[in-house]
C-alpha atoms as a PDB file:
ATOM      1  CA  MET A   1      32.151 -63.970 -33.400  1.00  0.00           C
ATOM      2  CA  LEU A   2      34.983 -61.763 -32.669  1.00  0.00           C
ATOM      3  CA  THR A   3      36.974 -62.062 -35.641  1.00  0.00           C
ATOM      4  CA  LYS A   4      33.654 -60.733 -37.603  1.00  0.00           C
ATOM      5  CA  LYS A   5      33.597 -57.513 -35.071  1.00  0.00           C
ATOM      6  CA  LEU A   6      37.328 -57.132 -36.207  1.00  0.00           C
ATOM      7  CA  MET A   7      36.779 -57.441 -39.745  1.00  0.00           C
ATOM      8  CA  ALA A   8      34.118 -55.127 -39.568  1.00  0.00           C
ATOM      9  CA  LEU A   9      35.856 -52.865 -37.865  1.00  0.00           C
ATOM     10  CA  ILE A  10      39.384 -53.125 -39.787  1.00  0.00           C
ATOM     11  CA  PHE A  11      37.167 -52.204 -43.175  1.00  0.00           C
ATOM     12  CA  ALA A  12      34.969 -49.232 -41.721  1.00  0.00           C
ATOM     13  CA  ILE A  13      38.558 -47.552 -41.171  1.00  0.00           C
ATOM     14  CA  GLY A  14      39.517 -48.877 -44.195  1.00  0.00           C
ATOM     15  CA  LEU A  15      36.337 -47.173 -45.646  1.00  0.00           C
ATOM     16  CA  LEU A  16      37.062 -44.073 -43.310  1.00  0.00           C
ATOM     17  CA  VAL A  17      40.927 -44.049 -45.309  1.00  0.00           C
ATOM     18  CA  LEU A  18      39.717 -44.614 -48.825  1.00  0.00           C
ATOM     19  CA  ALA A  19      36.675 -41.232 -47.979  1.00  0.00           C
ATOM     20  CA  CYS A  20      39.739 -38.571 -46.946  1.00  0.00           C
ATOM     21  CA  LYS A  21      41.485 -39.198 -49.880  1.00  0.00           C
ATOM     22  CA  ASP A  22      39.215 -38.718 -52.016  1.00  0.00           C
ATOM     23  CA  THR A  23      38.433 -35.580 -49.775  1.00  0.00           C
ATOM     24  CA  LYS A  24      42.048 -34.452 -49.974  1.00  0.00           C
ATOM     25  CA  LYS A  25      42.268 -35.175 -53.411  1.00  0.00           C
ATOM     26  CA  GLU A  26      38.865 -33.244 -54.122  1.00  0.00           C
ATOM     27  CA  GLN A  27      40.285 -30.577 -52.779  1.00  0.00           C
ATOM     28  CA  GLU A  28      43.009 -30.117 -54.207  1.00  0.00           C
ATOM     29  CA  GLU A  29      40.734 -29.903 -57.574  1.00  0.00           C
ATOM     30  CA  LEU A  30      38.915 -27.287 -55.835  1.00  0.00           C
ATOM     31  CA  ASN A  31      42.191 -25.561 -54.966  1.00  0.00           C
ATOM     32  CA  GLN A  32      43.178 -25.643 -58.395  1.00  0.00           C
ATOM     33  CA  LYS A  33      40.233 -24.193 -59.413  1.00  0.00           C
ATOM     34  CA  LEU A  34      40.111 -21.490 -56.863  1.00  0.00           C
ATOM     35  CA  GLU A  35      43.235 -20.357 -58.171  1.00  0.00           C
ATOM     36  CA  GLN A  36      42.593 -19.873 -61.732  1.00  0.00           C
ATOM     37  CA  ILE A  37      39.614 -18.191 -61.140  1.00  0.00           C
ATOM     38  CA  GLU A  38      41.408 -15.732 -59.135  1.00  0.00           C
ATOM     39  CA  ALA A  39      43.983 -15.398 -62.064  1.00  0.00           C
ATOM     40  CA  VAL A  40      40.672 -14.775 -64.467  1.00  0.00           C
ATOM     41  CA  GLU A  41      39.936 -12.171 -61.917  1.00  0.00           C
ATOM     42  CA  THR A  42      43.389 -10.376 -61.798  1.00  0.00           C
ATOM     43  CA  ALA A  43      43.246 -10.696 -65.583  1.00  0.00           C
ATOM     44  CA  LEU A  44      39.961  -8.571 -65.937  1.00  0.00           C
ATOM     45  CA  ASP A  45      40.761  -6.306 -63.234  1.00  0.00           C
ATOM     46  CA  SER A  46      43.742  -5.037 -65.311  1.00  0.00           C
ATOM     47  CA  THR A  47      41.801  -5.246 -68.861  1.00  0.00           C
ATOM     48  CA  LEU A  48      38.952  -3.018 -67.188  1.00  0.00           C
ATOM     49  CA  ASN A  49      42.227  -0.663 -65.604  1.00  0.00           C
ATOM     50  CA  ALA A  50      43.364  -0.466 -69.064  1.00  0.00           C
ATOM     51  CA  VAL A  51      40.071   0.575 -70.514  1.00  0.00           C
ATOM     52  CA  ASN A  52      39.320   2.773 -67.616  1.00  0.00           C
ATOM     53  CA  GLU A  53      42.479   4.904 -68.536  1.00  0.00           C
ATOM     54  CA  LYS A  54      42.144   4.620 -72.803  1.00  0.00           C
ATOM     55  CA  THR A  55      38.354   5.842 -72.089  1.00  0.00           C
ATOM     56  CA  GLU A  56      39.549   8.884 -70.454  1.00  0.00           C
ATOM     57  CA  GLU A  57      42.343   9.591 -72.852  1.00  0.00           C
ATOM     58  CA  VAL A  58      39.261   9.873 -75.641  1.00  0.00           C
ATOM     59  CA  GLU A  59      37.552  11.719 -73.590  1.00  0.00           C
ATOM     60  CA  GLN A  60      39.964  14.251 -72.990  1.00  0.00           C
ATOM     61  CA  LEU A  61      40.992  14.108 -76.862  1.00  0.00           C
ATOM     62  CA  ILE A  62      37.192  14.811 -77.575  1.00  0.00           C
ATOM     63  CA  LYS A  63      37.277  17.756 -75.239  1.00  0.00           C
ATOM     64  CA  GLU A  64      40.343  18.996 -77.257  1.00  0.00           C
ATOM     65  CA  LEU A  65      38.846  19.249 -80.650  1.00  0.00           C
ATOM     66  CA  ASP A  66      35.355  20.270 -79.182  1.00  0.00           C
ATOM     67  CA  SER A  67      37.526  23.593 -78.126  1.00  0.00           C
ATOM     68  CA  ILE A  68      38.925  24.078 -81.274  1.00  0.00           C
END
């Protein structure tokens, strides 16, 4: 009887350990995806800034052409 309870306890602890390992692996995968998303956001911000700068340049050139 005690042996069965002990075996059940050991089995339960084993399942908990495996569950924790899976959670850690999932967390690492989520962290990698988050880093990828942040890199894309940074690239988008950079692109948007470049587009805004070019827009200002074009608007300035149009004003110069209109004044001719």
